[in-house]
């Protein structure tokens, strides 16, 4: 249903977006509206039947008329149950499908957005959009359906009955609608602004709480609990102020609407009584009861419509919030590009430059004038001080970043013309901090792969020096590693990351400081595993410890985004340049 929404949304009005989301369920929505009209009919027919009964009693008309009116009302009441279930199935089912489709569209869009976008936008904010904002849209649609249809049906049915029974009373009733419209128009803009402001404060709070929970080990280790709480308390205070302001605005809006509409009701009650008393127009006692009852119910209907205004404002604000992701232009474009069906492993940089930030080349470049060719099977190590551009080069090879200028060629083909998704099937990354999800060891190692034999899994784990601790675990390969691998040590997690790379048999391998945070024993085991992993593959490696990259085919020394020196360890030491200085530091 929402497959094209992530490409289609371009900041259009939220109502049009909602209409697009429900387009495939429009027949079910029509059936739901019809079911609601039938099930809700007793509420607006009851005043008419009450008027008939009063007139039957006062005028001593035949008693059979009483039984006919009673039977009609009872029949309509009995129809309520099946038609209510039909209404819920049609309308609420459509809302649930819309919510599922919208969450799916958001998740797909997040997979398409560039790594640069994800580095700028907090993961907690994106989670809030997927969970809270979509839930708000669902609730708004359901409440608009339940309360809105109820109010509109009551208004329409009541006015039709009055027009047929006492047409002279219609002008007075129509005063309610302009009064309600006036209130809605006066408050709509203010409500939208305050709902938007409150939503952004809640997103900031979500980010702050996520940050606090992530930093709890560091906070505890340094006795900074109060500092962390102060940071959160500041955001909580802003949420409190914005929330109270929004509640006061909604409260004043509801109170003004209630006072106005009930004042009109009192005036109408007195007026209809005087009209009946002096027989200004020929109406019966039953008509007076009907008109008085209808005025109360129509007033209630208009009040319900007015009370929906803040609810709808919140829902539309959530649609706009979701639209911030769906219309974000910072995408990795792969559609229509050439698929990569095989990779030899030659990676060539031709005068590549890359600058972070929204202005691209206008910002200070992180990589500049970078020219280098990695031949198939070659291991190239990137070294240099922090900020030299090493990680940027790795991200350019992965395709997370695209050059501001220059070219990167894979086996002689410009990577700008290639579908990065198909290229990455031949690439593996072992990061500094291995990323595991809450599942079994087997599921983590074979992530994204289907029908992998146990023998192949064990072979990859053996080559990664991981079997020696896995075989000691009670559940072996089926051991659950915990959230982010919490039940494993740093060295164990890193060996699983190497096994995950090995089992894919990549042609291009990226090692980003894969041993920087490990003790000596773990590092020795992982260096031995890495030696098996790099064999016969094109490898780009960044290492914190220079001792770990002495065996590289070439070492590239970087500074300020450019290349200072290139050579083997022995060649660079003989040059007594920047690399030799780093060794002695």
Foldseek 3Di string as FASTA:
>chain_A
DCPCVLVPQDPDFLVVVVCVLLVVLVVLQVLLLVLCLLLLVLVQCVLVLQLVVVCCVVVVPDCVSNVVSVVVSVVSNVSNVVSVVSNCCRQLVSLVVSLVSLLVSLVVLVVFFFVLVPVVDDPLLSVCLNPVLSVLLSVLSVLCVPLVSSLVSLVVSNLVVCCVAPVVCNVLLVVLVVVLVVLLVVQQVVLLVLLLVLSVLVSVLSRLVVVLVVCVVVCVVVVNVVVSVVVNVVSVVVNVVSVVVSVVSLVVSLVVLLVVLVVSLVVVLVVLVVCPVVVVDDDDPSVSSSVSSSSVSSSVSSSSVSNSSSSVSNSSSSSVSSSCSSNDPNGDDQPPFAADPDAQAKKWWAQFWWCDDPVIVVHQTLAGGATDIFGFLAEEEEDEDPSLNQVVVVCVVLVSDPTSDTFMDGVRHTCVRYRSVNLCLQEAEQAQFFFAAFFFLLCRLQPPHPDDDPVLLVVLLVLLVQQVVQVVDPVRRRDTLPGRSVNDDRLNRSSSSSSSLVSSNHQEYEYEQSPVPDDPVSSVSRLSSVVVSSGRHRYYYYHPDPVSCQPGQKYFYGGSNYTDDMGHPVVVCVVVDDSVVVVVD
